[in-house]
Amino acid sequence: MAPNLAILSIPAYFVLTLAPHMYAASIAMKDKGPSNYDHRNPRAANYLENMRKQLAPADFARWERAEAAHHNGNENYALYAATVLASVLADTTATKTGVLGLLAGGMSAETRTFVLSYFASRILYTFVYIATSDNRKTFIRTIVYFTGVGLCFQQFVRAATILGN
């Protein structure tokens, strides 16, 4: 039996959220190298100020945006995981009642489309977040963010409809 790819997308999303953090670390180590990068307590009160002193202003701004994109990904992890679980439950219920056949990988076409679309929105969001330094263009990030949230809400409505029948 093939694994349920929607369920496997949950840890894959966690890995995806690490990408901007790893990019931020590469910015922080750019001139010093990994052996000189002090990451004993990255949430210390003076860590941010130390990074500001250590990096050129443009690098510091990019580092901050990369870390913020990482934190945003973590903040959205619960919404994504809950959406996937609701979708899988709905797919399983619909299959048992004969409403829906599952694709290979144990998910419906709707769930597959959601997973791929959400990942695309998060990748685009992360890229736009890190790359956008002009405040007048940050609305693009907001649009992409709410597109992803809208995809989740759409799946919740779909799941609620299937499970309500």
C-alpha atoms as a PDB file:
ATOM      1  CA  MET A   1       0.000   0.000   0.000  1.00  0.00           C
ATOM      2  CA  ALA A   2       1.334   3.436  -0.929  1.00  0.00           C
ATOM      3  CA  PRO A   3       1.837   5.973   1.864  1.00  0.00           C
ATOM      4  CA  ASN A   4      -0.613   8.836   2.169  1.00  0.00           C
ATOM      5  CA  LEU A   5       1.269  11.718   0.568  1.00  0.00           C
ATOM      6  CA  ALA A   6      -0.945  14.348   2.176  1.00  0.00           C
ATOM      7  CA  ILE A   7       0.101  13.105   5.619  1.00  0.00           C
ATOM      8  CA  LEU A   8       3.752  13.035   4.519  1.00  0.00           C
ATOM      9  CA  SER A   9       3.404  16.639   3.376  1.00  0.00           C
ATOM     10  CA  ILE A  10       3.111  17.691   7.042  1.00  0.00           C
ATOM     11  CA  PRO A  11       6.750  16.893   7.928  1.00  0.00           C
ATOM     12  CA  ALA A  12       7.740  18.111   4.458  1.00  0.00           C
ATOM     13  CA  TYR A  13       6.183  21.477   5.316  1.00  0.00           C
ATOM     14  CA  PHE A  14       8.252  21.574   8.507  1.00  0.00           C
ATOM     15  CA  VAL A  15      11.403  21.059   6.424  1.00  0.00           C
ATOM     16  CA  LEU A  16      10.232  23.789   4.041  1.00  0.00           C
ATOM     17  CA  THR A  17       9.957  26.242   6.938  1.00  0.00           C
ATOM     18  CA  LEU A  18      13.606  25.594   7.791  1.00  0.00           C
ATOM     19  CA  ALA A  19      14.822  26.873   4.406  1.00  0.00           C
ATOM     20  CA  PRO A  20      14.626  30.606   5.242  1.00  0.00           C
ATOM     21  CA  HIS A  21      16.288  29.971   8.612  1.00  0.00           C
ATOM     22  CA  MET A  22      19.148  28.146   6.904  1.00  0.00           C
ATOM     23  CA  TYR A  23      19.432  31.025   4.446  1.00  0.00           C
ATOM     24  CA  ALA A  24      19.563  33.491   7.357  1.00  0.00           C
ATOM     25  CA  ALA A  25      22.311  31.410   8.958  1.00  0.00           C
ATOM     26  CA  SER A  26      24.278  31.517   5.707  1.00  0.00           C
ATOM     27  CA  ILE A  27      23.998  35.317   5.708  1.00  0.00           C
ATOM     28  CA  ALA A  28      25.189  35.443   9.323  1.00  0.00           C
ATOM     29  CA  MET A  29      28.169  33.206   8.551  1.00  0.00           C
ATOM     30  CA  LYS A  30      29.069  34.885   5.272  1.00  0.00           C
ATOM     31  CA  ASP A  31      32.193  36.656   6.503  1.00  0.00           C
ATOM     32  CA  LYS A  32      32.947  34.671   9.648  1.00  0.00           C
ATOM     33  CA  GLY A  33      32.388  31.076   8.639  1.00  0.00           C
ATOM     34  CA  PRO A  34      30.502  28.471  10.683  1.00  0.00           C
ATOM     35  CA  SER A  35      33.188  28.104  13.349  1.00  0.00           C
ATOM     36  CA  ASN A  36      32.930  31.792  14.315  1.00  0.00           C
ATOM     37  CA  TYR A  37      29.129  32.019  14.240  1.00  0.00           C
ATOM     38  CA  ASP A  38      27.871  32.261  17.821  1.00  0.00           C
ATOM     39  CA  HIS A  39      24.564  30.425  18.006  1.00  0.00           C
ATOM     40  CA  ARG A  40      24.642  29.374  21.661  1.00  0.00           C
ATOM     41  CA  ASN A  41      21.586  31.469  22.484  1.00  0.00           C
ATOM     42  CA  PRO A  42      19.925  32.916  19.377  1.00  0.00           C
ATOM     43  CA  ARG A  43      16.986  34.214  21.415  1.00  0.00           C
ATOM     44  CA  ALA A  44      19.117  36.183  23.852  1.00  0.00           C
ATOM     45  CA  ALA A  45      18.176  39.808  24.361  1.00  0.00           C
ATOM     46  CA  ASN A  46      21.392  41.072  22.770  1.00  0.00           C
ATOM     47  CA  TYR A  47      21.466  38.631  19.829  1.00  0.00           C
ATOM     48  CA  LEU A  48      19.643  40.955  17.450  1.00  0.00           C
ATOM     49  CA  GLU A  49      21.896  43.868  18.328  1.00  0.00           C
ATOM     50  CA  ASN A  50      24.985  41.711  17.874  1.00  0.00           C
ATOM     51  CA  MET A  51      23.751  40.667  14.421  1.00  0.00           C
ATOM     52  CA  ARG A  52      23.111  44.319  13.559  1.00  0.00           C
ATOM     53  CA  LYS A  53      26.726  45.163  14.472  1.00  0.00           C
ATOM     54  CA  GLN A  54      28.163  42.141  12.703  1.00  0.00           C
ATOM     55  CA  LEU A  55      26.402  42.490   9.334  1.00  0.00           C
ATOM     56  CA  ALA A  56      26.287  45.190   6.705  1.00  0.00           C
ATOM     57  CA  PRO A  57      22.911  47.023   6.787  1.00  0.00           C
ATOM     58  CA  ALA A  58      21.579  45.335   3.627  1.00  0.00           C
ATOM     59  CA  ASP A  59      22.675  41.898   4.867  1.00  0.00           C
ATOM     60  CA  PHE A  60      21.147  42.519   8.283  1.00  0.00           C
ATOM     61  CA  ALA A  61      17.828  43.537   6.705  1.00  0.00           C
ATOM     62  CA  ARG A  62      17.838  40.405   4.511  1.00  0.00           C
ATOM     63  CA  TRP A  63      18.774  38.273   7.557  1.00  0.00           C
ATOM     64  CA  GLU A  64      15.854  39.749   9.526  1.00  0.00           C
ATOM     65  CA  ARG A  65      13.409  39.112   6.684  1.00  0.00           C
ATOM     66  CA  ALA A  66      14.627  35.519   6.298  1.00  0.00           C
ATOM     67  CA  GLU A  67      14.193  34.866  10.022  1.00  0.00           C
ATOM     68  CA  ALA A  68      10.745  36.488   9.926  1.00  0.00           C
ATOM     69  CA  ALA A  69       9.749  34.256   6.991  1.00  0.00           C
ATOM     70  CA  HIS A  70      10.930  31.243   9.000  1.00  0.00           C
ATOM     71  CA  HIS A  71       8.878  32.302  12.035  1.00  0.00           C
ATOM     72  CA  ASN A  72       5.825  32.917   9.857  1.00  0.00           C
ATOM     73  CA  GLY A  73       6.142  29.429   8.419  1.00  0.00           C
ATOM     74  CA  ASN A  74       6.248  27.984  11.927  1.00  0.00           C
ATOM     75  CA  GLU A  75       3.229  30.068  12.947  1.00  0.00           C
ATOM     76  CA  ASN A  76       1.255  28.633  10.022  1.00  0.00           C
ATOM     77  CA  TYR A  77       2.305  25.034  10.651  1.00  0.00           C
ATOM     78  CA  ALA A  78      -0.710  24.233  12.843  1.00  0.00           C
ATOM     79  CA  LEU A  79      -3.162  25.637  10.296  1.00  0.00           C
ATOM     80  CA  TYR A  80      -1.592  23.580   7.513  1.00  0.00           C
ATOM     81  CA  ALA A  81      -1.424  20.365   9.552  1.00  0.00           C
ATOM     82  CA  ALA A  82      -5.041  20.731  10.696  1.00  0.00           C
ATOM     83  CA  THR A  83      -6.154  21.388   7.124  1.00  0.00           C
ATOM     84  CA  VAL A  84      -4.374  18.285   5.849  1.00  0.00           C
ATOM     85  CA  LEU A  85      -5.844  16.113   8.597  1.00  0.00           C
ATOM     86  CA  ALA A  86      -9.360  17.443   7.955  1.00  0.00           C
ATOM     87  CA  SER A  87      -8.878  16.838   4.230  1.00  0.00           C
ATOM     88  CA  VAL A  88      -7.662  13.271   4.736  1.00  0.00           C
ATOM     89  CA  LEU A  89     -10.555  12.543   7.087  1.00  0.00           C
ATOM     90  CA  ALA A  90     -12.997  13.924   4.524  1.00  0.00           C
ATOM     91  CA  ASP A  91     -11.345  11.947   1.713  1.00  0.00           C
ATOM     92  CA  THR A  92     -11.523   8.734   3.753  1.00  0.00           C
ATOM     93  CA  THR A  93     -15.158   9.329   4.676  1.00  0.00           C
ATOM     94  CA  ALA A  94     -16.120  10.176   1.100  1.00  0.00           C
ATOM     95  CA  THR A  95     -14.379   7.050  -0.185  1.00  0.00           C
ATOM     96  CA  LYS A  96     -16.201   4.814   2.303  1.00  0.00           C
ATOM     97  CA  THR A  97     -19.544   6.269   1.240  1.00  0.00           C
ATOM     98  CA  GLY A  98     -18.666   5.898  -2.443  1.00  0.00           C
ATOM     99  CA  VAL A  99     -18.657   9.624  -3.178  1.00  0.00           C
ATOM    100  CA  LEU A 100     -14.999   9.784  -4.114  1.00  0.00           C
ATOM    101  CA  GLY A 101     -12.182   7.576  -5.319  1.00  0.00           C
ATOM    102  CA  LEU A 102      -8.674   8.256  -4.070  1.00  0.00           C
ATOM    103  CA  LEU A 103      -5.676   8.769  -6.310  1.00  0.00           C
ATOM    104  CA  ALA A 104      -2.447   6.846  -5.869  1.00  0.00           C
ATOM    105  CA  GLY A 105      -0.814   8.124  -2.713  1.00  0.00           C
ATOM    106  CA  GLY A 106      -4.050   8.012  -0.732  1.00  0.00           C
ATOM    107  CA  MET A 107      -5.550  11.427  -1.415  1.00  0.00           C
ATOM    108  CA  SER A 108      -8.260  12.933  -3.563  1.00  0.00           C
ATOM    109  CA  ALA A 109      -7.528  15.200  -6.501  1.00  0.00           C
ATOM    110  CA  GLU A 110      -8.832  18.111  -4.422  1.00  0.00           C
ATOM    111  CA  THR A 111      -6.472  17.371  -1.540  1.00  0.00           C
ATOM    112  CA  ARG A 112      -3.559  16.874  -3.936  1.00  0.00           C
ATOM    113  CA  THR A 113      -4.305  20.211  -5.592  1.00  0.00           C
ATOM    114  CA  PHE A 114      -4.505  21.869  -2.174  1.00  0.00           C
ATOM    115  CA  VAL A 115      -1.177  20.428  -0.983  1.00  0.00           C
ATOM    116  CA  LEU A 116       0.655  21.436  -4.164  1.00  0.00           C
ATOM    117  CA  SER A 117      -0.974  24.877  -4.284  1.00  0.00           C
ATOM    118  CA  TYR A 118      -0.275  25.577  -0.623  1.00  0.00           C
ATOM    119  CA  PHE A 119       3.367  24.569  -0.985  1.00  0.00           C
ATOM    120  CA  ALA A 120       3.641  26.816  -4.043  1.00  0.00           C
ATOM    121  CA  SER A 121       2.106  29.718  -2.097  1.00  0.00           C
ATOM    122  CA  ARG A 122       4.519  29.210   0.814  1.00  0.00           C
ATOM    123  CA  ILE A 123       7.562  29.002  -1.463  1.00  0.00           C
ATOM    124  CA  LEU A 124       6.469  32.167  -3.263  1.00  0.00           C
ATOM    125  CA  TYR A 125       5.665  33.865   0.057  1.00  0.00           C
ATOM    126  CA  THR A 126       9.115  33.053   1.438  1.00  0.00           C
ATOM    127  CA  PHE A 127      10.857  34.291  -1.696  1.00  0.00           C
ATOM    128  CA  VAL A 128       8.820  37.516  -1.774  1.00  0.00           C
ATOM    129  CA  TYR A 129       9.336  38.078   1.966  1.00  0.00           C
ATOM    130  CA  ILE A 130      13.114  37.780   1.747  1.00  0.00           C
ATOM    131  CA  ALA A 131      13.521  39.601  -1.570  1.00  0.00           C
ATOM    132  CA  THR A 132      11.212  42.574  -0.952  1.00  0.00           C
ATOM    133  CA  SER A 133      13.001  45.485   0.655  1.00  0.00           C
ATOM    134  CA  ASP A 134      10.744  48.204  -0.771  1.00  0.00           C
ATOM    135  CA  ASN A 135       7.910  48.881   1.689  1.00  0.00           C
ATOM    136  CA  ARG A 136       5.608  49.917  -1.179  1.00  0.00           C
ATOM    137  CA  LYS A 137       5.774  46.363  -2.565  1.00  0.00           C
ATOM    138  CA  THR A 138       5.139  44.425   0.647  1.00  0.00           C
ATOM    139  CA  PHE A 139       1.451  44.199  -0.259  1.00  0.00           C
ATOM    140  CA  ILE A 140       2.494  41.413  -2.660  1.00  0.00           C
ATOM    141  CA  ARG A 141       3.596  39.327   0.320  1.00  0.00           C
ATOM    142  CA  THR A 142       0.248  39.984   2.018  1.00  0.00           C
ATOM    143  CA  ILE A 143      -1.679  38.857  -1.067  1.00  0.00           C
ATOM    144  CA  VAL A 144       0.368  35.669  -1.341  1.00  0.00           C
ATOM    145  CA  TYR A 145      -0.031  34.993   2.391  1.00  0.00           C
ATOM    146  CA  PHE A 146      -3.815  35.316   2.328  1.00  0.00           C
ATOM    147  CA  THR A 147      -3.978  33.207  -0.819  1.00  0.00           C
ATOM    148  CA  GLY A 148      -2.437  30.358   1.192  1.00  0.00           C
ATOM    149  CA  VAL A 149      -4.763  30.963   4.136  1.00  0.00           C
ATOM    150  CA  GLY A 150      -7.712  31.053   1.731  1.00  0.00           C
ATOM    151  CA  LEU A 151      -6.673  27.672   0.326  1.00  0.00           C
ATOM    152  CA  CYS A 152      -6.778  26.256   3.865  1.00  0.00           C
ATOM    153  CA  PHE A 153     -10.197  27.738   4.578  1.00  0.00           C
ATOM    154  CA  GLN A 154     -11.508  26.402   1.268  1.00  0.00           C
ATOM    155  CA  GLN A 155     -10.358  22.898   2.254  1.00  0.00           C
ATOM    156  CA  PHE A 156     -11.987  23.223   5.675  1.00  0.00           C
ATOM    157  CA  VAL A 157     -15.297  24.129   4.014  1.00  0.00           C
ATOM    158  CA  ARG A 158     -14.899  21.182   1.629  1.00  0.00           C
ATOM    159  CA  ALA A 159     -14.141  18.818   4.526  1.00  0.00           C
ATOM    160  CA  ALA A 160     -17.027  20.175   6.599  1.00  0.00           C
ATOM    161  CA  THR A 161     -19.400  19.673   3.678  1.00  0.00           C
ATOM    162  CA  ILE A 162     -18.297  16.079   3.110  1.00  0.00           C
ATOM    163  CA  LEU A 163     -18.297  15.221   6.811  1.00  0.00           C
ATOM    164  CA  GLY A 164     -21.645  16.930   7.360  1.00  0.00           C
ATOM    165  CA  ASN A 165     -23.413  14.608   4.925  1.00  0.00           C
END
